[in-house]
Amino acid sequence: MRAAPTILHLDMDAFFAAAEQAAKPSLRGKPVVVGGLGPRGVVATASYEARRFGVHSAMPMGQARRLAPNAAYLVPRFAFYRSISEQVMRLLGSLSPLVEPLSLDEAFVDLEAGGVADDTASARAVGERLRADILATTGLTGSVGLAGSKMLAKIASEEAKPDGLVLMEPGTERALLGPKSVRILPGVGPATGEHLRRAGMTTVSDLAEAGEDELVRLLGRAHGASLYRMARGHDDRPVVAERDAKSVSVEDTFAVDLHDRVRIRGEVERLAERCVGRLRASGHSGRTIVLKVRRFDFSTLTRSETLRGPTDALGVVREAAGRLLDSVDTTGGVRLLGVGVSGLADYTQEDLFAQEQEREREGGAEERAGGAEAAPVAPEAVAAAEPAERSWAPGHDVRHAVYGAGWVQGSGLGRVTVRFEEPGSAPGRVRTFAVDDPELAAGEAVPLVRGPVPGEGPSAGGAAPSPAADRGDAPGLAAGTGSPPRRP
């Protein structure tokens, strides 16, 4: 524990949903839910307007739709969220060399290591300036907790939500923590919380009064001793700078269980391709290929194969994943598949045999696709190779040759509805097209650029819009509930 509240925890407010509201003027002040939209989808983030109806993260999407039928339901755009996160992390990096990201929207910062704060007044000033800089740079809000330990800083940021700052003065921890639920402490989930409740412990002060021996008896040596220390406000974990990724993986949950072995293999090959794309984008290679299979009964199997050296070759990863699949019984159906690569390195071990095989496959495919000696292709094969109808996911970016940039509001029955607007525009008009309209194409997300990161150059004059400009009180908006607008 430190004598000054120089550990800062930042948690962006309803990050995914708030980013979508900032990017889509017609959704500002409206309930927005981001997550998987299929029958087995779950809520990733709900805006504060949606939370008023009881919607929360990790809730099944079907339940969310019943609670808030008029909300806007959007699929995630992780590349867009990552671009905003990078802006925020640069702001944190300007405060200290010790920044510990926990996710795209959450991080610890050691202000003392950065030399920007050494007492209560300076820590509060840094926290308030950070919140202002985030709003000016991205147009989004974040909540800040300041304390003498990581645990307390995180609890403080939760107390500060939304769009606030809470500072816990060292020495006041036990008084502040005492009346709170045991669930506020790290490592106390529903099962542990229920176990403690049955033992008559529901508040943090109950844990402190029970004593270490009793908690060890109930929960075991490691967990009991750790929980006793936390109940007394003790947490000496340091802020650790970002570590390199240990693995790269992708996975998909299917709306309907897969039974066809050929289809399952095709999905594994597709996942391998996506995984290799991420692997190469990160500048890494890896030597252990991992296959994850969740079956119809929710049992999850993991299989792995370690190669002679690290690789980023698609053919090598794809074939290894295929071999791993051969060892898995998929009888009864498959709910989820995943492919990953671990044992990462920043170099590639040349596997001449595997690369030669891949070149041969690519050469053969090239010849079959149109070489001078290519065999004639049967008409039914041409029909089978024709591209399937384009799909348009709600929330994704599009661009029209005439109307410009917009986003998908919905699609079905061969039609797609698009709202044409951008982050800095007024709420836009809605138009409907055929799903195969040649003038409509997938687009790129328009960045939320409000101005440069403070200290990186002159301001571009991008001030946050006023609340009145965010309301979007124009006809033809996405369905809402008349909730008051959220703070910008």
Protein backbone atom coordinates (compact mmCIF):
# COMPACT_ATOMS: atom_id res chain seq x y z
CA MET A 1 0.00 0.00 0.00
CA ARG A 2 1.19 3.47 -0.87
CA ALA A 3 0.99 6.57 1.25
CA ALA A 4 -0.48 8.55 -1.69
CA PRO A 5 -3.23 7.65 -4.21
CA THR A 6 -0.84 7.40 -7.15
CA ILE A 7 -2.24 4.29 -8.84
CA LEU A 8 -4.87 5.21 -11.42
CA HIS A 9 -7.45 2.89 -12.96
CA LEU A 10 -9.25 4.02 -16.10
CA ASP A 11 -12.41 2.30 -17.33
CA MET A 12 -14.09 3.71 -20.43
CA ASP A 13 -17.86 4.07 -20.04
CA ALA A 14 -19.93 1.47 -21.98
CA PHE A 15 -17.06 1.52 -24.45
CA PHE A 16 -18.32 -0.40 -27.49
CA ALA A 17 -21.82 1.10 -27.30
CA ALA A 18 -20.51 4.62 -26.63
CA ALA A 19 -18.15 4.35 -29.61
CA GLU A 20 -21.09 3.36 -31.82
CA GLN A 21 -23.15 6.28 -30.53
CA ALA A 22 -20.30 8.66 -31.27
CA ALA A 23 -19.87 7.24 -34.77
CA LYS A 24 -23.60 7.19 -35.56
CA PRO A 25 -25.28 10.54 -34.77
CA SER A 26 -28.79 9.09 -35.00
CA LEU A 27 -28.04 6.73 -32.08
CA ARG A 28 -26.93 9.38 -29.59
CA GLY A 29 -29.18 9.30 -26.56
CA LYS A 30 -30.75 6.04 -27.75
CA PRO A 31 -30.44 2.54 -26.25
CA VAL A 32 -27.69 0.64 -28.07
CA VAL A 33 -26.68 -2.99 -27.57
CA VAL A 34 -23.51 -4.47 -29.09
CA GLY A 35 -22.89 -8.21 -29.30
CA GLY A 36 -23.56 -11.41 -31.17
CA LEU A 37 -26.94 -11.21 -32.89
CA GLY A 38 -27.49 -14.92 -33.53
CA PRO A 39 -29.69 -17.22 -31.42
CA ARG A 40 -26.74 -17.94 -29.13
CA GLY A 41 -25.35 -14.42 -29.13
CA VAL A 42 -24.59 -12.57 -25.90
CA VAL A 43 -24.39 -8.88 -25.04
CA ALA A 44 -20.85 -7.47 -25.16
CA THR A 45 -21.80 -3.94 -24.06
CA ALA A 46 -25.04 -2.04 -23.48
CA SER A 47 -25.30 1.74 -23.46
CA TYR A 48 -26.54 3.38 -20.27
CA GLU A 49 -29.85 4.05 -22.01
CA ALA A 50 -30.23 0.29 -22.61
CA ARG A 51 -29.17 -0.54 -19.06
CA ARG A 52 -32.22 1.31 -17.76
CA PHE A 53 -34.27 -1.57 -19.21
CA GLY A 54 -32.18 -4.18 -17.40
CA VAL A 55 -29.84 -5.08 -20.27
CA HIS A 56 -26.27 -5.85 -19.22
CA SER A 57 -23.12 -7.48 -20.55
CA ALA A 58 -22.98 -11.30 -20.79
CA MET A 59 -26.80 -11.44 -21.01
CA PRO A 60 -28.23 -13.69 -23.76
CA MET A 61 -29.16 -11.50 -26.71
CA GLY A 62 -32.67 -12.98 -26.88
CA GLN A 63 -33.36 -11.83 -23.32
CA ALA A 64 -31.98 -8.37 -24.13
CA ARG A 65 -34.34 -8.04 -27.09
CA ARG A 66 -37.30 -8.89 -24.87
CA LEU A 67 -36.27 -6.27 -22.31
CA ALA A 68 -35.46 -3.52 -24.82
CA PRO A 69 -37.18 -4.34 -28.12
CA ASN A 70 -36.68 -0.83 -29.52
CA ALA A 71 -32.93 -0.65 -28.92
CA ALA A 72 -30.44 -0.62 -31.80
CA TYR A 73 -28.71 -4.04 -31.96
CA LEU A 74 -25.30 -3.98 -33.62
CA VAL A 75 -22.49 -6.45 -34.25
CA PRO A 76 -19.06 -5.46 -32.85
CA ARG A 77 -16.47 -3.60 -34.98
CA PHE A 78 -13.27 -4.50 -33.17
CA ALA A 79 -10.88 -2.78 -35.58
CA PHE A 80 -12.77 0.47 -34.96
CA TYR A 81 -12.73 0.02 -31.18
CA ARG A 82 -9.02 -0.82 -31.31
CA SER A 83 -8.26 2.42 -33.13
CA ILE A 84 -9.95 4.41 -30.35
CA SER A 85 -8.24 2.32 -27.68
CA GLU A 86 -4.85 3.14 -29.20
CA GLN A 87 -5.60 6.87 -28.84
CA VAL A 88 -6.55 6.39 -25.18
CA MET A 89 -3.50 4.22 -24.44
CA ARG A 90 -1.23 6.89 -25.94
CA LEU A 91 -2.73 9.38 -23.50
CA LEU A 92 -1.99 7.01 -20.64
CA GLY A 93 1.53 6.45 -21.94
CA SER A 94 2.13 10.19 -21.81
CA LEU A 95 1.60 10.01 -18.03
CA SER A 96 3.87 7.10 -17.14
CA PRO A 97 6.06 4.35 -18.59
CA LEU A 98 4.14 1.89 -16.42
CA VAL A 99 0.76 1.31 -18.10
CA GLU A 100 -0.91 -2.07 -17.63
CA PRO A 101 -3.76 -2.57 -20.14
CA LEU A 102 -6.41 -5.05 -19.03
CA SER A 103 -8.51 -4.81 -22.19
CA LEU A 104 -9.27 -2.35 -24.98
CA ASP A 105 -11.08 -0.04 -22.56
CA GLU A 106 -9.39 -0.55 -19.21
CA ALA A 107 -5.89 -0.01 -17.76
CA PHE A 108 -3.84 0.73 -14.66
CA VAL A 109 -1.28 3.57 -14.59
CA ASP A 110 1.50 4.13 -12.03
CA LEU A 111 1.53 7.93 -11.73
CA GLU A 112 4.44 7.91 -9.30
CA ALA A 113 6.67 6.12 -11.81
CA GLY A 114 5.83 8.81 -14.35
CA GLY A 115 6.73 11.61 -11.95
CA VAL A 116 3.38 13.33 -12.51
CA ALA A 117 1.88 12.83 -9.03
CA ASP A 118 3.15 12.20 -5.52
CA ASP A 119 0.27 13.33 -3.30
CA THR A 120 -3.52 13.58 -3.22
CA ALA A 121 -3.80 16.99 -4.89
CA SER A 122 -1.49 16.21 -7.79
CA ALA A 123 -3.08 12.78 -8.35
CA ARG A 124 -6.56 14.29 -8.52
CA ALA A 125 -5.36 16.96 -10.94
CA VAL A 126 -3.82 14.32 -13.24
CA GLY A 127 -7.02 12.26 -13.15
CA GLU A 128 -9.24 15.21 -14.04
CA ARG A 129 -6.90 16.28 -16.83
CA LEU A 130 -6.88 12.74 -18.24
CA ARG A 131 -10.68 12.62 -18.37
CA ALA A 132 -10.75 15.98 -20.16
CA ASP A 133 -8.07 14.87 -22.63
CA ILE A 134 -9.94 11.64 -23.44
CA LEU A 135 -13.15 13.57 -24.10
CA ALA A 136 -11.35 16.13 -26.28
CA THR A 137 -9.45 13.46 -28.23
CA THR A 138 -12.16 10.82 -28.76
CA GLY A 139 -15.46 12.39 -27.75
CA LEU A 140 -15.97 9.53 -25.27
CA THR A 141 -16.01 9.50 -21.49
CA GLY A 142 -14.02 7.43 -19.03
CA SER A 143 -14.26 6.89 -15.29
CA VAL A 144 -11.16 7.20 -13.13
CA GLY A 145 -10.30 5.63 -9.78
CA LEU A 146 -7.28 6.76 -7.73
CA ALA A 147 -5.92 4.91 -4.71
CA GLY A 148 -2.80 3.49 -3.10
CA SER A 149 -3.29 0.02 -4.64
CA LYS A 150 -4.59 -1.58 -7.83
CA MET A 151 -7.52 -3.27 -6.09
CA LEU A 152 -8.75 -0.06 -4.51
CA ALA A 153 -8.21 2.00 -7.68
CA LYS A 154 -10.39 -0.43 -9.62
CA ILE A 155 -13.10 -0.35 -6.96
CA ALA A 156 -12.93 3.46 -7.01
CA SER A 157 -13.38 3.64 -10.78
CA GLU A 158 -16.45 1.42 -10.49
CA GLU A 159 -17.84 3.82 -7.90
CA ALA A 160 -17.10 6.72 -10.28
CA LYS A 161 -19.21 5.39 -13.16
CA PRO A 162 -20.36 6.87 -15.38
CA ASP A 163 -18.10 9.77 -16.32
CA GLY A 164 -16.65 10.53 -12.90
CA LEU A 165 -13.59 10.38 -10.65
CA VAL A 166 -13.34 8.84 -7.18
CA LEU A 167 -10.20 9.12 -5.06
CA MET A 168 -9.65 6.85 -2.05
CA GLU A 169 -7.43 8.52 0.52
CA PRO A 170 -4.87 6.08 1.95
CA GLY A 171 -5.88 5.24 5.51
CA THR A 172 -9.62 5.30 4.80
CA GLU A 173 -9.75 1.96 2.96
CA ARG A 174 -11.23 -0.22 5.70
CA ALA A 175 -13.97 2.27 6.55
CA LEU A 176 -14.93 2.61 2.89
CA LEU A 177 -14.76 -1.11 2.09
CA GLY A 178 -16.41 -2.39 5.28
CA PRO A 179 -20.12 -2.04 4.37
CA LYS A 180 -19.71 -3.16 0.77
CA SER A 181 -20.67 -6.60 -0.54
CA VAL A 182 -18.02 -9.32 -0.58
CA ARG A 183 -18.60 -9.51 -4.35
CA ILE A 184 -16.71 -6.23 -4.78
CA LEU A 185 -13.40 -7.99 -4.03
CA PRO A 186 -11.37 -9.59 -6.85
CA GLY A 187 -11.79 -13.37 -6.98
CA VAL A 188 -15.21 -13.43 -5.29
CA GLY A 189 -17.61 -14.68 -7.94
CA PRO A 190 -21.14 -16.05 -7.57
CA ALA A 191 -20.03 -19.44 -6.20
CA THR A 192 -17.58 -18.04 -3.62
CA GLY A 193 -20.07 -15.32 -2.70
CA GLU A 194 -22.78 -17.90 -2.04
CA HIS A 195 -20.36 -20.06 -0.01
CA LEU A 196 -19.49 -17.05 2.15
CA ARG A 197 -23.15 -16.07 2.51
CA ARG A 198 -23.98 -19.52 3.87
CA ALA A 199 -21.21 -18.98 6.40
CA GLY A 200 -22.83 -15.68 7.43
CA MET A 201 -20.42 -13.35 5.63
CA THR A 202 -21.99 -10.87 3.22
CA THR A 203 -19.93 -7.70 3.68
CA VAL A 204 -16.22 -6.96 3.51
CA SER A 205 -16.19 -6.13 7.22
CA ASP A 206 -17.61 -9.61 7.92
CA LEU A 207 -14.52 -11.10 6.24
CA ALA A 208 -12.11 -8.90 8.18
CA GLU A 209 -13.80 -9.79 11.47
CA ALA A 210 -13.88 -13.53 10.69
CA GLY A 211 -10.09 -13.65 10.64
CA GLU A 212 -7.58 -15.33 8.38
CA ASP A 213 -7.83 -18.78 9.96
CA GLU A 214 -11.58 -18.98 9.36
CA LEU A 215 -11.31 -17.87 5.74
CA VAL A 216 -8.51 -20.39 5.13
CA ARG A 217 -10.70 -23.11 6.62
CA LEU A 218 -13.58 -22.15 4.32
CA LEU A 219 -11.69 -21.40 1.10
CA GLY A 220 -8.27 -23.00 1.34
CA ARG A 221 -4.86 -21.59 2.14
CA ALA A 222 -4.13 -19.45 -0.92
CA HIS A 223 -7.63 -18.04 -1.54
CA GLY A 224 -8.49 -17.56 2.13
CA ALA A 225 -5.27 -15.72 2.99
CA SER A 226 -5.53 -13.51 -0.10
CA LEU A 227 -9.15 -12.63 0.62
CA TYR A 228 -8.35 -11.71 4.21
CA ARG A 229 -5.62 -9.31 3.08
CA MET A 230 -7.94 -7.70 0.54
CA ALA A 231 -10.72 -7.34 3.13
CA ARG A 232 -8.28 -5.32 5.22
CA GLY A 233 -7.44 -3.15 2.20
CA HIS A 234 -3.98 -4.64 1.53
CA ASP A 235 -2.82 -5.12 -2.05
CA ASP A 236 0.86 -4.81 -2.98
CA ARG A 237 0.65 -5.87 -6.63
CA PRO A 238 2.72 -3.54 -8.83
CA VAL A 239 1.56 -2.01 -12.09
CA VAL A 240 3.24 -4.09 -14.80
CA ALA A 241 3.91 -2.64 -18.25
CA GLU A 242 2.24 -4.34 -21.21
CA ARG A 243 3.65 -7.76 -22.00
CA ASP A 244 3.95 -9.35 -25.40
CA ALA A 245 1.05 -11.52 -26.50
CA LYS A 246 1.50 -15.20 -25.66
CA SER A 247 -0.90 -16.52 -28.28
CA VAL A 248 -3.13 -15.57 -31.19
CA SER A 249 -6.48 -17.27 -31.68
CA VAL A 250 -9.90 -16.97 -33.31
CA GLU A 251 -13.12 -18.86 -32.65
CA ASP A 252 -16.72 -18.93 -33.82
CA THR A 253 -19.93 -20.05 -32.10
CA PHE A 254 -22.52 -21.39 -34.54
CA ALA A 255 -26.21 -20.58 -34.51
CA VAL A 256 -27.01 -24.25 -35.22
CA ASP A 257 -24.86 -27.22 -34.22
CA LEU A 258 -22.68 -28.46 -37.07
CA HIS A 259 -22.96 -32.18 -37.91
CA ASP A 260 -21.53 -32.42 -41.41
CA ARG A 261 -17.88 -33.41 -41.12
CA VAL A 262 -17.02 -31.71 -44.41
CA ARG A 263 -18.58 -28.46 -43.20
CA ILE A 264 -16.72 -28.72 -39.88
CA ARG A 265 -13.41 -29.18 -41.68
CA GLY A 266 -14.18 -26.22 -43.92
CA GLU A 267 -14.85 -24.05 -40.85
CA VAL A 268 -11.55 -25.13 -39.28
CA GLU A 269 -9.69 -24.18 -42.47
CA ARG A 270 -11.44 -20.81 -42.54
CA LEU A 271 -10.53 -20.18 -38.89
CA ALA A 272 -6.93 -21.15 -39.61
CA GLU A 273 -6.81 -18.55 -42.37
CA ARG A 274 -8.14 -15.84 -40.05
CA CYS A 275 -5.74 -16.89 -37.31
CA VAL A 276 -2.74 -16.69 -39.64
CA GLY A 277 -3.90 -13.26 -40.78
CA ARG A 278 -3.86 -12.03 -37.18
CA LEU A 279 -0.56 -13.76 -36.53
CA ARG A 280 1.11 -12.02 -39.46
CA ALA A 281 -0.47 -8.67 -38.57
CA SER A 282 1.10 -8.92 -35.11
CA GLY A 283 4.52 -9.56 -36.64
CA HIS A 284 4.84 -12.96 -34.99
CA SER A 285 5.13 -16.64 -35.84
CA GLY A 286 4.35 -19.60 -33.59
CA ARG A 287 5.20 -23.22 -33.14
CA THR A 288 2.18 -24.70 -31.31
CA ILE A 289 -1.11 -25.07 -33.17
CA VAL A 290 -4.20 -25.39 -30.96
CA LEU A 291 -7.69 -26.61 -31.92
CA LYS A 292 -10.68 -25.96 -29.65
CA VAL A 293 -13.95 -27.83 -30.09
CA ARG A 294 -17.07 -27.31 -27.96
CA ARG A 295 -19.54 -30.10 -28.55
CA PHE A 296 -23.34 -30.26 -28.43
CA ASP A 297 -23.27 -31.12 -24.70
CA PHE A 298 -21.05 -28.09 -23.87
CA SER A 299 -18.03 -30.31 -23.25
CA THR A 300 -14.92 -28.56 -24.57
CA LEU A 301 -11.95 -30.41 -26.06
CA THR A 302 -8.55 -28.86 -26.76
CA ARG A 303 -5.92 -30.50 -28.93
CA SER A 304 -2.46 -29.14 -29.77
CA GLU A 305 0.52 -29.97 -31.94
CA THR A 306 3.99 -28.48 -31.61
CA LEU A 307 5.97 -27.97 -34.81
CA ARG A 308 9.73 -28.19 -35.31
CA GLY A 309 9.97 -24.40 -35.34
CA PRO A 310 7.82 -21.25 -35.43
CA THR A 311 5.86 -20.56 -38.62
CA ASP A 312 3.34 -18.15 -40.09
CA ALA A 313 2.63 -20.26 -43.20
CA LEU A 314 -1.08 -20.74 -43.82
CA GLY A 315 -0.63 -24.20 -45.30
CA VAL A 316 1.29 -25.44 -42.27
CA VAL A 317 -1.23 -24.08 -39.77
CA ARG A 318 -4.20 -25.30 -41.80
CA GLU A 319 -2.84 -28.83 -42.16
CA ALA A 320 -1.92 -29.06 -38.48
CA ALA A 321 -5.41 -27.93 -37.48
CA GLY A 322 -6.85 -30.53 -39.85
CA ARG A 323 -4.78 -33.28 -38.26
CA LEU A 324 -5.95 -32.20 -34.82
CA LEU A 325 -9.56 -32.31 -35.99
CA ASP A 326 -9.06 -35.92 -37.11
CA SER A 327 -8.45 -36.83 -33.47
CA VAL A 328 -11.73 -35.33 -32.23
CA ASP A 329 -15.09 -37.11 -32.18
CA THR A 330 -17.69 -34.63 -33.45
CA THR A 331 -20.60 -37.09 -33.31
CA GLY A 332 -23.66 -35.32 -31.94
CA GLY A 333 -22.71 -31.90 -33.26
CA VAL A 334 -20.34 -28.99 -32.70
CA ARG A 335 -21.33 -25.64 -31.15
CA LEU A 336 -17.98 -23.83 -31.30
CA LEU A 337 -14.67 -24.15 -33.12
CA GLY A 338 -11.44 -22.28 -32.52
CA VAL A 339 -7.92 -22.27 -33.95
CA GLY A 340 -4.95 -20.70 -32.21
CA VAL A 341 -1.18 -20.42 -32.38
CA SER A 342 0.99 -20.16 -29.26
CA GLY A 343 4.68 -20.29 -28.50
CA LEU A 344 5.09 -17.00 -30.34
CA ALA A 345 8.34 -15.70 -31.75
CA ASP A 346 9.34 -12.68 -33.84
CA TYR A 347 11.03 -14.84 -36.48
CA THR A 348 10.04 -17.73 -38.75
CA GLN A 349 11.82 -21.07 -38.82
CA GLU A 350 12.11 -21.95 -42.50
CA ASP A 351 10.33 -25.22 -43.20
CA LEU A 352 11.38 -25.86 -46.77
CA PHE A 353 9.36 -29.04 -47.13
CA ALA A 354 6.12 -27.42 -45.92
CA GLN A 355 6.72 -24.27 -47.97
CA GLU A 356 7.41 -26.28 -51.08
CA GLN A 357 4.17 -28.18 -50.57
CA GLU A 358 2.29 -24.89 -50.20
CA ARG A 359 3.86 -23.47 -53.39
CA GLU A 360 2.82 -26.61 -55.24
CA ARG A 361 -0.75 -26.25 -54.01
CA GLU A 362 -0.86 -22.56 -54.93
CA GLY A 363 0.61 -23.32 -58.35
CA GLY A 364 -1.92 -26.04 -58.95
CA ALA A 365 -4.77 -23.78 -57.96
CA GLU A 366 -3.44 -21.05 -60.26
CA GLU A 367 -3.26 -23.48 -63.18
CA ARG A 368 -6.77 -24.76 -62.53
CA ALA A 369 -8.04 -21.18 -62.33
CA GLY A 370 -7.08 -20.24 -65.88
CA GLY A 371 -3.77 -21.59 -67.15
CA ALA A 372 -3.41 -22.35 -70.84
CA GLU A 373 -3.69 -26.07 -70.18
CA ALA A 374 -6.64 -25.79 -67.81
CA ALA A 375 -9.37 -28.36 -68.41
CA PRO A 376 -12.85 -27.17 -69.42
CA VAL A 377 -15.17 -26.48 -66.50
CA ALA A 378 -18.65 -27.97 -66.40
CA PRO A 379 -21.56 -25.48 -66.26
CA GLU A 380 -22.82 -26.90 -62.95
CA ALA A 381 -19.39 -26.28 -61.43
CA VAL A 382 -19.57 -22.65 -62.51
CA ALA A 383 -22.98 -22.32 -60.88
CA ALA A 384 -21.67 -23.83 -57.66
CA ALA A 385 -18.74 -21.41 -57.65
CA GLU A 386 -20.88 -18.28 -58.02
CA PRO A 387 -20.64 -16.05 -54.94
CA ALA A 388 -23.39 -16.36 -52.37
CA GLU A 389 -25.71 -13.43 -51.69
CA ARG A 390 -23.82 -10.71 -49.84
CA SER A 391 -24.65 -10.40 -46.17
CA TRP A 392 -24.89 -7.04 -44.42
CA ALA A 393 -24.43 -7.08 -40.64
CA PRO A 394 -26.25 -4.41 -38.59
CA GLY A 395 -23.82 -1.67 -37.62
CA HIS A 396 -21.18 -2.39 -40.24
CA ASP A 397 -19.83 0.37 -42.46
CA VAL A 398 -20.79 0.71 -46.11
CA ARG A 399 -20.18 3.17 -48.91
CA HIS A 400 -22.53 4.00 -51.77
CA ALA A 401 -21.32 5.39 -55.06
CA VAL A 402 -23.88 8.20 -54.89
CA TYR A 403 -24.75 8.72 -51.21
CA GLY A 404 -21.32 8.16 -49.64
CA ALA A 405 -20.55 6.64 -46.24
CA GLY A 406 -23.18 5.03 -44.04
CA TRP A 407 -23.95 2.03 -41.88
CA VAL A 408 -26.28 -0.95 -42.08
CA GLN A 409 -29.46 -0.67 -40.02
CA GLY A 410 -30.78 -4.05 -41.07
CA SER A 411 -31.23 -6.49 -43.92
CA GLY A 412 -33.49 -9.31 -45.03
CA LEU A 413 -35.68 -10.54 -47.89
CA GLY A 414 -33.07 -9.46 -50.39
CA ARG A 415 -32.97 -5.85 -49.18
CA VAL A 416 -30.57 -3.84 -47.02
CA THR A 417 -31.40 -0.61 -45.17
CA VAL A 418 -28.61 1.93 -44.78
CA ARG A 419 -28.41 5.17 -42.82
CA PHE A 420 -26.04 7.66 -44.41
CA GLU A 421 -24.22 9.63 -41.72
CA GLU A 422 -20.74 10.04 -40.24
CA PRO A 423 -19.39 10.97 -36.79
CA GLY A 424 -19.35 14.71 -37.44
CA SER A 425 -22.57 14.91 -39.46
CA ALA A 426 -26.17 15.50 -38.50
CA PRO A 427 -28.42 12.43 -38.15
CA GLY A 428 -28.65 10.98 -41.64
CA ARG A 429 -31.28 9.80 -44.08
CA VAL A 430 -32.29 6.15 -44.46
CA ARG A 431 -32.40 4.42 -47.84
CA THR A 432 -33.07 0.82 -48.87
CA PHE A 433 -31.28 -1.12 -51.62
CA ALA A 434 -31.14 -4.58 -53.08
CA VAL A 435 -28.49 -6.63 -51.29
CA ASP A 436 -26.60 -7.04 -54.56
CA ASP A 437 -26.77 -3.37 -55.59
CA PRO A 438 -23.50 -2.83 -57.50
CA GLU A 439 -23.18 0.73 -56.17
CA LEU A 440 -23.14 -0.46 -52.53
CA ALA A 441 -19.94 -1.87 -51.04
CA ALA A 442 -18.38 -2.56 -47.66
CA GLY A 443 -16.77 0.58 -46.26
CA GLU A 444 -14.14 1.65 -43.77
CA ALA A 445 -14.93 3.05 -40.34
CA VAL A 446 -14.60 6.83 -40.16
CA PRO A 447 -12.22 7.60 -37.24
CA LEU A 448 -13.43 9.56 -34.23
CA VAL A 449 -10.81 12.26 -34.65
CA ARG A 450 -11.43 15.20 -32.32
CA GLY A 451 -7.86 16.46 -32.22
CA PRO A 452 -4.30 15.24 -31.62
CA VAL A 453 -3.21 13.61 -28.40
CA PRO A 454 -2.21 16.45 -26.05
CA GLY A 455 1.49 17.10 -26.31
CA GLU A 456 1.75 15.69 -29.85
CA GLY A 457 1.13 18.88 -31.77
CA PRO A 458 -1.25 21.81 -32.19
CA SER A 459 -4.93 21.18 -31.72
CA ALA A 460 -7.01 20.60 -34.80
CA GLY A 461 -9.85 22.42 -33.12
CA GLY A 462 -11.95 19.33 -32.62
CA ALA A 463 -14.10 20.14 -29.62
CA ALA A 464 -16.69 17.71 -28.38
CA PRO A 465 -20.19 18.41 -29.69
CA SER A 466 -22.73 19.98 -27.43
CA PRO A 467 -25.43 17.75 -25.91
CA ALA A 468 -28.02 19.52 -28.03
CA ALA A 469 -26.18 18.51 -31.19
CA ASP A 470 -26.11 14.91 -29.97
CA ARG A 471 -29.83 14.48 -29.48
CA GLY A 472 -30.65 13.76 -33.11
CA ASP A 473 -34.26 14.98 -32.77
CA ALA A 474 -34.96 14.59 -36.47
CA PRO A 475 -37.59 12.45 -38.21
CA GLY A 476 -36.61 8.99 -39.41
CA LEU A 477 -34.18 8.15 -36.60
CA ALA A 478 -33.45 4.60 -35.52
CA ALA A 479 -36.12 3.32 -33.18
CA GLY A 480 -35.61 4.57 -29.63
CA THR A 481 -37.53 5.02 -26.43
CA GLY A 482 -37.35 8.73 -25.83
CA SER A 483 -34.66 8.33 -23.17
CA PRO A 484 -32.80 11.52 -22.31
CA PRO A 485 -29.56 11.93 -24.22
CA ARG A 486 -26.35 10.57 -22.72
CA ARG A 487 -23.58 12.95 -21.84
CA PRO A 488 -21.12 13.42 -24.72
